[in-house]
Amino acid sequence: MNKTDLASTIAQKTGVSVKDANAVIGGLNDVILEAVGRGEKIQLPGLLTIEVVDRAARTGRNPQTGEEIQIAASKAAKVTAGSKLKAAAKG
């Protein structure tokens, strides 16, 4: 489902206009990016959790040469599906 389909579905289920649903999606996108950028954890119970996690420095292999390389420590966004989302995916 793309953003247009999502906005249309939200509009149908809530009675708001598609324009307003698009505005909410855009606003949600901005809020999530800003919060994750500050290192905050976002939780929508049963749906999903978005958090920043530290990834330790480690060794790996260059996929082209097979040579062992050092991978620096970094931060990454981790998205975890909640119980309701997992149940919906199972059908």
PDB file of N, CA and C in Angstrom:
ATOM      1  N   MET A   1       0.855  -1.169   0.000  1.00  0.00           N
ATOM      2  CA  MET A   1       0.000   0.000   0.000  1.00  0.00           C
ATOM      3  C   MET A   1       0.903   1.234   0.000  1.00  0.00           C
ATOM      4  N   ASN A   2       0.719   2.109  -0.970  1.00  0.00           N
ATOM      5  CA  ASN A   2       1.517   3.327  -1.019  1.00  0.00           C
ATOM      6  C   ASN A   2       0.837   4.441  -0.212  1.00  0.00           C
ATOM      7  N   LYS A   3       1.480   5.603  -0.147  1.00  0.00           N
ATOM      8  CA  LYS A   3       0.959   6.704   0.670  1.00  0.00           C
ATOM      9  C   LYS A   3      -0.428   7.144   0.200  1.00  0.00           C
ATOM     10  N   THR A   4      -0.650   7.183  -1.093  1.00  0.00           N
ATOM     11  CA  THR A   4      -1.954   7.589  -1.632  1.00  0.00           C
ATOM     12  C   THR A   4      -3.045   6.624  -1.189  1.00  0.00           C
ATOM     13  N   ASP A   5      -2.769   5.327  -1.285  1.00  0.00           N
ATOM     14  CA  ASP A   5      -3.737   4.318  -0.853  1.00  0.00           C
ATOM     15  C   ASP A   5      -3.978   4.393   0.647  1.00  0.00           C
ATOM     16  N   LEU A   6      -2.902   4.603   1.403  1.00  0.00           N
ATOM     17  CA  LEU A   6      -3.023   4.713   2.857  1.00  0.00           C
ATOM     18  C   LEU A   6      -3.889   5.905   3.239  1.00  0.00           C
ATOM     19  N   ALA A   7      -3.642   7.051   2.628  1.00  0.00           N
ATOM     20  CA  ALA A   7      -4.436   8.247   2.922  1.00  0.00           C
ATOM     21  C   ALA A   7      -5.896   8.036   2.561  1.00  0.00           C
ATOM     22  N   SER A   8      -6.142   7.392   1.448  1.00  0.00           N
ATOM     23  CA  SER A   8      -7.513   7.120   1.011  1.00  0.00           C
ATOM     24  C   SER A   8      -8.230   6.193   1.994  1.00  0.00           C
ATOM     25  N   THR A   9      -7.532   5.167   2.446  1.00  0.00           N
ATOM     26  CA  THR A   9      -8.113   4.217   3.400  1.00  0.00           C
ATOM     27  C   THR A   9      -8.385   4.892   4.736  1.00  0.00           C
ATOM     28  N   ILE A  10      -7.439   5.706   5.207  1.00  0.00           N
ATOM     29  CA  ILE A  10      -7.647   6.445   6.458  1.00  0.00           C
ATOM     30  C   ILE A  10      -8.854   7.357   6.328  1.00  0.00           C
ATOM     31  N   ALA A  11      -8.965   8.043   5.213  1.00  0.00           N
ATOM     32  CA  ALA A  11     -10.093   8.945   4.988  1.00  0.00           C
ATOM     33  C   ALA A  11     -11.418   8.190   5.033  1.00  0.00           C
ATOM     34  N   GLN A  12     -11.473   7.031   4.409  1.00  0.00           N
ATOM     35  CA  GLN A  12     -12.699   6.229   4.405  1.00  0.00           C
ATOM     36  C   GLN A  12     -13.062   5.756   5.808  1.00  0.00           C
ATOM     37  N   LYS A  13     -12.076   5.331   6.581  1.00  0.00           N
ATOM     38  CA  LYS A  13     -12.347   4.768   7.904  1.00  0.00           C
ATOM     39  C   LYS A  13     -12.646   5.827   8.961  1.00  0.00           C
ATOM     40  N   THR A  14     -12.151   7.049   8.760  1.00  0.00           N
ATOM     41  CA  THR A  14     -12.298   8.073   9.794  1.00  0.00           C
ATOM     42  C   THR A  14     -13.259   9.193   9.429  1.00  0.00           C
ATOM     43  N   GLY A  15     -13.574   9.318   8.156  1.00  0.00           N
ATOM     44  CA  GLY A  15     -14.474  10.386   7.742  1.00  0.00           C
ATOM     45  C   GLY A  15     -13.767  11.714   7.489  1.00  0.00           C
ATOM     46  N   VAL A  16     -12.435  11.745   7.565  1.00  0.00           N
ATOM     47  CA  VAL A  16     -11.707  12.969   7.235  1.00  0.00           C
ATOM     48  C   VAL A  16     -11.439  12.988   5.744  1.00  0.00           C
ATOM     49  N   SER A  17     -11.034  14.141   5.236  1.00  0.00           N
ATOM     50  CA  SER A  17     -10.732  14.224   3.806  1.00  0.00           C
ATOM     51  C   SER A  17      -9.395  13.554   3.509  1.00  0.00           C
ATOM     52  N   VAL A  18      -9.214  13.181   2.262  1.00  0.00           N
ATOM     53  CA  VAL A  18      -7.945  12.588   1.836  1.00  0.00           C
ATOM     54  C   VAL A  18      -6.826  13.604   2.042  1.00  0.00           C
ATOM     55  N   LYS A  19      -7.097  14.874   1.786  1.00  0.00           N
ATOM     56  CA  LYS A  19      -6.103  15.931   1.985  1.00  0.00           C
ATOM     57  C   LYS A  19      -5.659  15.978   3.450  1.00  0.00           C
ATOM     58  N   ASP A  20      -6.636  15.909   4.377  1.00  0.00           N
ATOM     59  CA  ASP A  20      -6.299  15.922   5.802  1.00  0.00           C
ATOM     60  C   ASP A  20      -5.536  14.662   6.207  1.00  0.00           C
ATOM     61  N   ALA A  21      -5.922  13.521   5.657  1.00  0.00           N
ATOM     62  CA  ALA A  21      -5.221  12.277   5.965  1.00  0.00           C
ATOM     63  C   ALA A  21      -3.776  12.355   5.475  1.00  0.00           C
ATOM     64  N   ASN A  22      -3.567  12.914   4.302  1.00  0.00           N
ATOM     65  CA  ASN A  22      -2.205  13.101   3.784  1.00  0.00           C
ATOM     66  C   ASN A  22      -1.397  14.025   4.676  1.00  0.00           C
ATOM     67  N   ALA A  23      -2.038  15.077   5.179  1.00  0.00           N
ATOM     68  CA  ALA A  23      -1.352  16.012   6.074  1.00  0.00           C
ATOM     69  C   ALA A  23      -0.934  15.316   7.364  1.00  0.00           C
ATOM     70  N   VAL A  24      -1.796  14.464   7.890  1.00  0.00           N
ATOM     71  CA  VAL A  24      -1.472  13.730   9.113  1.00  0.00           C
ATOM     72  C   VAL A  24      -0.313  12.760   8.858  1.00  0.00           C
ATOM     73  N   ILE A  25      -0.335  12.065   7.737  1.00  0.00           N
ATOM     74  CA  ILE A  25       0.751  11.136   7.403  1.00  0.00           C
ATOM     75  C   ILE A  25       2.071  11.898   7.286  1.00  0.00           C
ATOM     76  N   GLY A  26       2.041  13.027   6.620  1.00  0.00           N
ATOM     77  CA  GLY A  26       3.246  13.847   6.483  1.00  0.00           C
ATOM     78  C   GLY A  26       3.747  14.335   7.827  1.00  0.00           C
ATOM     79  N   GLY A  27       2.826  14.781   8.671  1.00  0.00           N
ATOM     80  CA  GLY A  27       3.197  15.243  10.005  1.00  0.00           C
ATOM     81  C   GLY A  27       3.766  14.115  10.846  1.00  0.00           C
ATOM     82  N   LEU A  28       3.153  12.938  10.770  1.00  0.00           N
ATOM     83  CA  LEU A  28       3.639  11.778  11.508  1.00  0.00           C
ATOM     84  C   LEU A  28       5.052  11.411  11.050  1.00  0.00           C
ATOM     85  N   ASN A  29       5.269  11.444   9.761  1.00  0.00           N
ATOM     86  CA  ASN A  29       6.592  11.172   9.206  1.00  0.00           C
ATOM     87  C   ASN A  29       7.631  12.123   9.803  1.00  0.00           C
ATOM     88  N   ASP A  30       7.317  13.420   9.824  1.00  0.00           N
ATOM     89  CA  ASP A  30       8.245  14.419  10.352  1.00  0.00           C
ATOM     90  C   ASP A  30       8.524  14.195  11.838  1.00  0.00           C
ATOM     91  N   VAL A  31       7.471  13.927  12.607  1.00  0.00           N
ATOM     92  CA  VAL A  31       7.618  13.724  14.047  1.00  0.00           C
ATOM     93  C   VAL A  31       8.472  12.492  14.339  1.00  0.00           C
ATOM     94  N   ILE A  32       8.219  11.407  13.626  1.00  0.00           N
ATOM     95  CA  ILE A  32       8.991  10.178  13.838  1.00  0.00           C
ATOM     96  C   ILE A  32      10.462  10.408  13.513  1.00  0.00           C
ATOM     97  N   LEU A  33      10.755  11.044  12.387  1.00  0.00           N
ATOM     98  CA  LEU A  33      12.147  11.286  12.006  1.00  0.00           C
ATOM     99  C   LEU A  33      12.855  12.175  13.022  1.00  0.00           C
ATOM    100  N   GLU A  34      12.177  13.213  13.501  1.00  0.00           N
ATOM    101  CA  GLU A  34      12.785  14.099  14.492  1.00  0.00           C
ATOM    102  C   GLU A  34      13.021  13.368  15.815  1.00  0.00           C
ATOM    103  N   ALA A  35      12.039  12.597  16.270  1.00  0.00           N
ATOM    104  CA  ALA A  35      12.165  11.893  17.543  1.00  0.00           C
ATOM    105  C   ALA A  35      13.280  10.855  17.490  1.00  0.00           C
ATOM    106  N   VAL A  36      13.329  10.076  16.426  1.00  0.00           N
ATOM    107  CA  VAL A  36      14.377   9.055  16.284  1.00  0.00           C
ATOM    108  C   VAL A  36      15.739   9.740  16.167  1.00  0.00           C
ATOM    109  N   GLY A  37      15.782  10.877  15.494  1.00  0.00           N
ATOM    110  CA  GLY A  37      17.027  11.636  15.387  1.00  0.00           C
ATOM    111  C   GLY A  37      17.543  12.103  16.741  1.00  0.00           C
ATOM    112  N   ARG A  38      16.635  12.331  17.685  1.00  0.00           N
ATOM    113  CA  ARG A  38      17.019  12.719  19.051  1.00  0.00           C
ATOM    114  C   ARG A  38      17.284  11.504  19.928  1.00  0.00           C
ATOM    115  N   GLY A  39      17.093  10.304  19.386  1.00  0.00           N
ATOM    116  CA  GLY A  39      17.334   9.090  20.159  1.00  0.00           C
ATOM    117  C   GLY A  39      16.145   8.638  20.981  1.00  0.00           C
ATOM    118  N   GLU A  40      14.976   9.201  20.727  1.00  0.00           N
ATOM    119  CA  GLU A  40      13.779   8.822  21.473  1.00  0.00           C
ATOM    120  C   GLU A  40      13.179   7.529  20.930  1.00  0.00           C
ATOM    121  N   LYS A  41      12.507   6.815  21.804  1.00  0.00           N
ATOM    122  CA  LYS A  41      11.823   5.572  21.439  1.00  0.00           C
ATOM    123  C   LYS A  41      10.354   5.907  21.183  1.00  0.00           C
ATOM    124  N   ILE A  42       9.816   5.389  20.102  1.00  0.00           N
ATOM    125  CA  ILE A  42       8.410   5.606  19.764  1.00  0.00           C
ATOM    126  C   ILE A  42       7.691   4.275  19.883  1.00  0.00           C
ATOM    127  N   GLN A  43       6.589   4.256  20.622  1.00  0.00           N
ATOM    128  CA  GLN A  43       5.819   3.028  20.777  1.00  0.00           C
ATOM    129  C   GLN A  43       4.360   3.276  20.431  1.00  0.00           C
ATOM    130  N   LEU A  44       3.845   2.450  19.553  1.00  0.00           N
ATOM    131  CA  LEU A  44       2.423   2.394  19.257  1.00  0.00           C
ATOM    132  C   LEU A  44       1.999   0.999  19.703  1.00  0.00           C
ATOM    133  N   PRO A  45       1.472   0.876  20.938  1.00  0.00           N
ATOM    134  CA  PRO A  45       1.204  -0.445  21.519  1.00  0.00           C
ATOM    135  C   PRO A  45       0.446  -1.381  20.577  1.00  0.00           C
ATOM    136  N   GLY A  46       0.984  -2.581  20.450  1.00  0.00           N
ATOM    137  CA  GLY A  46       0.382  -3.595  19.596  1.00  0.00           C
ATOM    138  C   GLY A  46       0.729  -3.446  18.134  1.00  0.00           C
ATOM    139  N   LEU A  47       1.217  -2.260  17.744  1.00  0.00           N
ATOM    140  CA  LEU A  47       1.502  -2.009  16.334  1.00  0.00           C
ATOM    141  C   LEU A  47       3.000  -2.080  16.041  1.00  0.00           C
ATOM    142  N   LEU A  48       3.768  -1.160  16.620  1.00  0.00           N
ATOM    143  CA  LEU A  48       5.196  -1.179  16.365  1.00  0.00           C
ATOM    144  C   LEU A  48       5.958  -0.346  17.376  1.00  0.00           C
ATOM    145  N   THR A  49       7.257  -0.586  17.424  1.00  0.00           N
ATOM    146  CA  THR A  49       8.187   0.192  18.234  1.00  0.00           C
ATOM    147  C   THR A  49       9.343   0.586  17.338  1.00  0.00           C
ATOM    148  N   ILE A  50       9.732   1.858  17.433  1.00  0.00           N
ATOM    149  CA  ILE A  50      10.872   2.363  16.682  1.00  0.00           C
ATOM    150  C   ILE A  50      11.856   2.921  17.706  1.00  0.00           C
ATOM    151  N   GLU A  51      13.098   2.457  17.646  1.00  0.00           N
ATOM    152  CA  GLU A  51      14.097   2.945  18.589  1.00  0.00           C
ATOM    153  C   GLU A  51      15.472   2.969  17.947  1.00  0.00           C
ATOM    154  N   VAL A  52      16.345   3.770  18.532  1.00  0.00           N
ATOM    155  CA  VAL A  52      17.724   3.836  18.075  1.00  0.00           C
ATOM    156  C   VAL A  52      18.531   2.846  18.906  1.00  0.00           C
ATOM    157  N   VAL A  53      19.317   2.035  18.240  1.00  0.00           N
ATOM    158  CA  VAL A  53      20.158   1.060  18.934  1.00  0.00           C
ATOM    159  C   VAL A  53      21.616   1.296  18.554  1.00  0.00           C
ATOM    160  N   ASP A  54      22.498   0.988  19.492  1.00  0.00           N
ATOM    161  CA  ASP A  54      23.931   1.073  19.233  1.00  0.00           C
ATOM    162  C   ASP A  54      24.397  -0.235  18.626  1.00  0.00           C
ATOM    163  N   ARG A  55      25.147  -0.144  17.566  1.00  0.00           N
ATOM    164  CA  ARG A  55      25.740  -1.329  16.945  1.00  0.00           C
ATOM    165  C   ARG A  55      27.227  -1.308  17.270  1.00  0.00           C
ATOM    166  N   ALA A  56      27.707  -2.355  17.887  1.00  0.00           N
ATOM    167  CA  ALA A  56      29.103  -2.437  18.304  1.00  0.00           C
ATOM    168  C   ALA A  56      30.024  -2.562  17.086  1.00  0.00           C
ATOM    169  N   ALA A  57      31.251  -2.118  17.293  1.00  0.00           N
ATOM    170  CA  ALA A  57      32.270  -2.329  16.264  1.00  0.00           C
ATOM    171  C   ALA A  57      32.446  -3.838  16.083  1.00  0.00           C
ATOM    172  N   ARG A  58      32.729  -4.231  14.867  1.00  0.00           N
ATOM    173  CA  ARG A  58      32.835  -5.661  14.597  1.00  0.00           C
ATOM    174  C   ARG A  58      33.687  -5.885  13.353  1.00  0.00           C
ATOM    175  N   THR A  59      34.009  -7.124  13.111  1.00  0.00           N
ATOM    176  CA  THR A  59      34.720  -7.459  11.877  1.00  0.00           C
ATOM    177  C   THR A  59      33.717  -8.065  10.901  1.00  0.00           C
ATOM    178  N   GLY A  60      34.021  -7.933   9.653  1.00  0.00           N
ATOM    179  CA  GLY A  60      33.169  -8.501   8.623  1.00  0.00           C
ATOM    180  C   GLY A  60      34.029  -8.871   7.420  1.00  0.00           C
ATOM    181  N   ARG A  61      33.388  -9.209   6.340  1.00  0.00           N
ATOM    182  CA  ARG A  61      34.106  -9.570   5.116  1.00  0.00           C
ATOM    183  C   ARG A  61      33.667  -8.663   3.979  1.00  0.00           C
ATOM    184  N   ASN A  62      34.626  -8.220   3.202  1.00  0.00           N
ATOM    185  CA  ASN A  62      34.324  -7.465   2.006  1.00  0.00           C
ATOM    186  C   ASN A  62      33.673  -8.443   1.026  1.00  0.00           C
ATOM    187  N   PRO A  63      32.437  -8.174   0.587  1.00  0.00           N
ATOM    188  CA  PRO A  63      31.746  -9.137  -0.279  1.00  0.00           C
ATOM    189  C   PRO A  63      32.407  -9.327  -1.647  1.00  0.00           C
ATOM    190  N   GLN A  64      33.206  -8.364  -2.062  1.00  0.00           N
ATOM    191  CA  GLN A  64      33.848  -8.483  -3.378  1.00  0.00           C
ATOM    192  C   GLN A  64      35.173  -9.227  -3.323  1.00  0.00           C
ATOM    193  N   THR A  65      35.928  -8.985  -2.234  1.00  0.00           N
ATOM    194  CA  THR A  65      37.272  -9.580  -2.160  1.00  0.00           C
ATOM    195  C   THR A  65      37.366 -10.706  -1.141  1.00  0.00           C
ATOM    196  N   GLY A  66      36.425 -10.752  -0.214  1.00  0.00           N
ATOM    197  CA  GLY A  66      36.482 -11.748   0.840  1.00  0.00           C
ATOM    198  C   GLY A  66      37.437 -11.369   1.962  1.00  0.00           C
ATOM    199  N   GLU A  67      38.085 -10.221   1.821  1.00  0.00           N
ATOM    200  CA  GLU A  67      39.037  -9.746   2.814  1.00  0.00           C
ATOM    201  C   GLU A  67      38.311  -9.362   4.108  1.00  0.00           C
ATOM    202  N   GLU A  68      38.928  -9.671   5.255  1.00  0.00           N
ATOM    203  CA  GLU A  68      38.347  -9.289   6.538  1.00  0.00           C
ATOM    204  C   GLU A  68      38.496  -7.784   6.715  1.00  0.00           C
ATOM    205  N   ILE A  69      37.430  -7.131   7.157  1.00  0.00           N
ATOM    206  CA  ILE A  69      37.446  -5.679   7.349  1.00  0.00           C
ATOM    207  C   ILE A  69      36.909  -5.340   8.734  1.00  0.00           C
ATOM    208  N   GLN A  70      37.246  -4.160   9.220  1.00  0.00           N
ATOM    209  CA  GLN A  70      36.732  -3.655  10.488  1.00  0.00           C
ATOM    210  C   GLN A  70      35.539  -2.758  10.187  1.00  0.00           C
ATOM    211  N   ILE A  71      34.443  -2.989  10.902  1.00  0.00           N
ATOM    212  CA  ILE A  71      33.242  -2.173  10.742  1.00  0.00           C
ATOM    213  C   ILE A  71      33.100  -1.338  12.005  1.00  0.00           C
ATOM    214  N   ALA A  72      33.024  -0.036  11.841  1.00  0.00           N
ATOM    215  CA  ALA A  72      32.974   0.884  12.979  1.00  0.00           C
ATOM    216  C   ALA A  72      31.649   0.770  13.734  1.00  0.00           C
ATOM    217  N   ALA A  73      31.693   1.146  15.003  1.00  0.00           N
ATOM    218  CA  ALA A  73      30.472   1.222  15.799  1.00  0.00           C
ATOM    219  C   ALA A  73      29.553   2.268  15.168  1.00  0.00           C
ATOM    220  N   SER A  74      28.257   2.055  15.271  1.00  0.00           N
ATOM    221  CA  SER A  74      27.315   2.996  14.673  1.00  0.00           C
ATOM    222  C   SER A  74      25.978   2.926  15.397  1.00  0.00           C
ATOM    223  N   LYS A  75      25.088   3.787  15.003  1.00  0.00           N
ATOM    224  CA  LYS A  75      23.718   3.768  15.518  1.00  0.00           C
ATOM    225  C   LYS A  75      22.801   3.356  14.368  1.00  0.00           C
ATOM    226  N   ALA A  76      21.717   2.692  14.711  1.00  0.00           N
ATOM    227  CA  ALA A  76      20.769   2.259  13.683  1.00  0.00           C
ATOM    228  C   ALA A  76      19.355   2.374  14.230  1.00  0.00           C
ATOM    229  N   ALA A  77      18.402   2.547  13.348  1.00  0.00           N
ATOM    230  CA  ALA A  77      16.997   2.538  13.749  1.00  0.00           C
ATOM    231  C   ALA A  77      16.509   1.093  13.713  1.00  0.00           C
ATOM    232  N   LYS A  78      15.855   0.694  14.787  1.00  0.00           N
ATOM    233  CA  LYS A  78      15.308  -0.667  14.874  1.00  0.00           C
ATOM    234  C   LYS A  78      13.792  -0.555  14.948  1.00  0.00           C
ATOM    235  N   VAL A  79      13.118  -1.259  14.066  1.00  0.00           N
ATOM    236  CA  VAL A  79      11.654  -1.265  14.049  1.00  0.00           C
ATOM    237  C   VAL A  79      11.193  -2.673  14.401  1.00  0.00           C
ATOM    238  N   THR A  80      10.355  -2.769  15.421  1.00  0.00           N
ATOM    239  CA  THR A  80       9.857  -4.059  15.879  1.00  0.00           C
ATOM    240  C   THR A  80       8.343  -4.086  15.738  1.00  0.00           C
ATOM    241  N   ALA A  81       7.827  -5.138  15.120  1.00  0.00           N
ATOM    242  CA  ALA A  81       6.378  -5.283  14.968  1.00  0.00           C
ATOM    243  C   ALA A  81       5.764  -5.670  16.306  1.00  0.00           C
ATOM    244  N   GLY A  82       4.617  -5.081  16.603  1.00  0.00           N
ATOM    245  CA  GLY A  82       3.869  -5.409  17.810  1.00  0.00           C
ATOM    246  C   GLY A  82       2.986  -6.628  17.606  1.00  0.00           C
ATOM    247  N   SER A  83       2.370  -7.083  18.684  1.00  0.00           N
ATOM    248  CA  SER A  83       1.570  -8.304  18.653  1.00  0.00           C
ATOM    249  C   SER A  83       0.385  -8.230  17.680  1.00  0.00           C
ATOM    250  N   LYS A  84      -0.293  -7.085  17.619  1.00  0.00           N
ATOM    251  CA  LYS A  84      -1.443  -6.960  16.722  1.00  0.00           C
ATOM    252  C   LYS A  84      -1.011  -6.976  15.262  1.00  0.00           C
ATOM    253  N   LEU A  85       0.123  -6.349  14.979  1.00  0.00           N
ATOM    254  CA  LEU A  85       0.631  -6.341  13.615  1.00  0.00           C
ATOM    255  C   LEU A  85       1.080  -7.736  13.202  1.00  0.00           C
ATOM    256  N   LYS A  86       1.727  -8.437  14.112  1.00  0.00           N
ATOM    257  CA  LYS A  86       2.140  -9.818  13.822  1.00  0.00           C
ATOM    258  C   LYS A  86       0.928 -10.712  13.577  1.00  0.00           C
ATOM    259  N   ALA A  87      -0.111 -10.529  14.372  1.00  0.00           N
ATOM    260  CA  ALA A  87      -1.324 -11.347  14.201  1.00  0.00           C
ATOM    261  C   ALA A  87      -1.998 -11.032  12.863  1.00  0.00           C
ATOM    262  N   ALA A  88      -2.022  -9.769  12.482  1.00  0.00           N
ATOM    263  CA  ALA A  88      -2.640  -9.390  11.207  1.00  0.00           C
ATOM    264  C   ALA A  88      -1.872  -9.985  10.036  1.00  0.00           C
ATOM    265  N   ALA A  89      -0.553 -10.042  10.158  1.00  0.00           N
ATOM    266  CA  ALA A  89       0.269 -10.610   9.083  1.00  0.00           C
ATOM    267  C   ALA A  89       0.017 -12.110   8.911  1.00  0.00           C
ATOM    268  N   LYS A  90      -0.326 -12.771   9.999  1.00  0.00           N
ATOM    269  CA  LYS A  90      -0.590 -14.208   9.914  1.00  0.00           C
ATOM    270  C   LYS A  90      -1.948 -14.513   9.304  1.00  0.00           C
ATOM    271  N   GLY A  91      -2.801 -13.495   9.304  1.00  0.00           N
ATOM    272  CA  GLY A  91      -4.120 -13.684   8.694  1.00  0.00           C
ATOM    273  C   GLY A  91      -5.096 -14.105   9.641  1.00  0.00           C
TER     274      GLY A  91
END
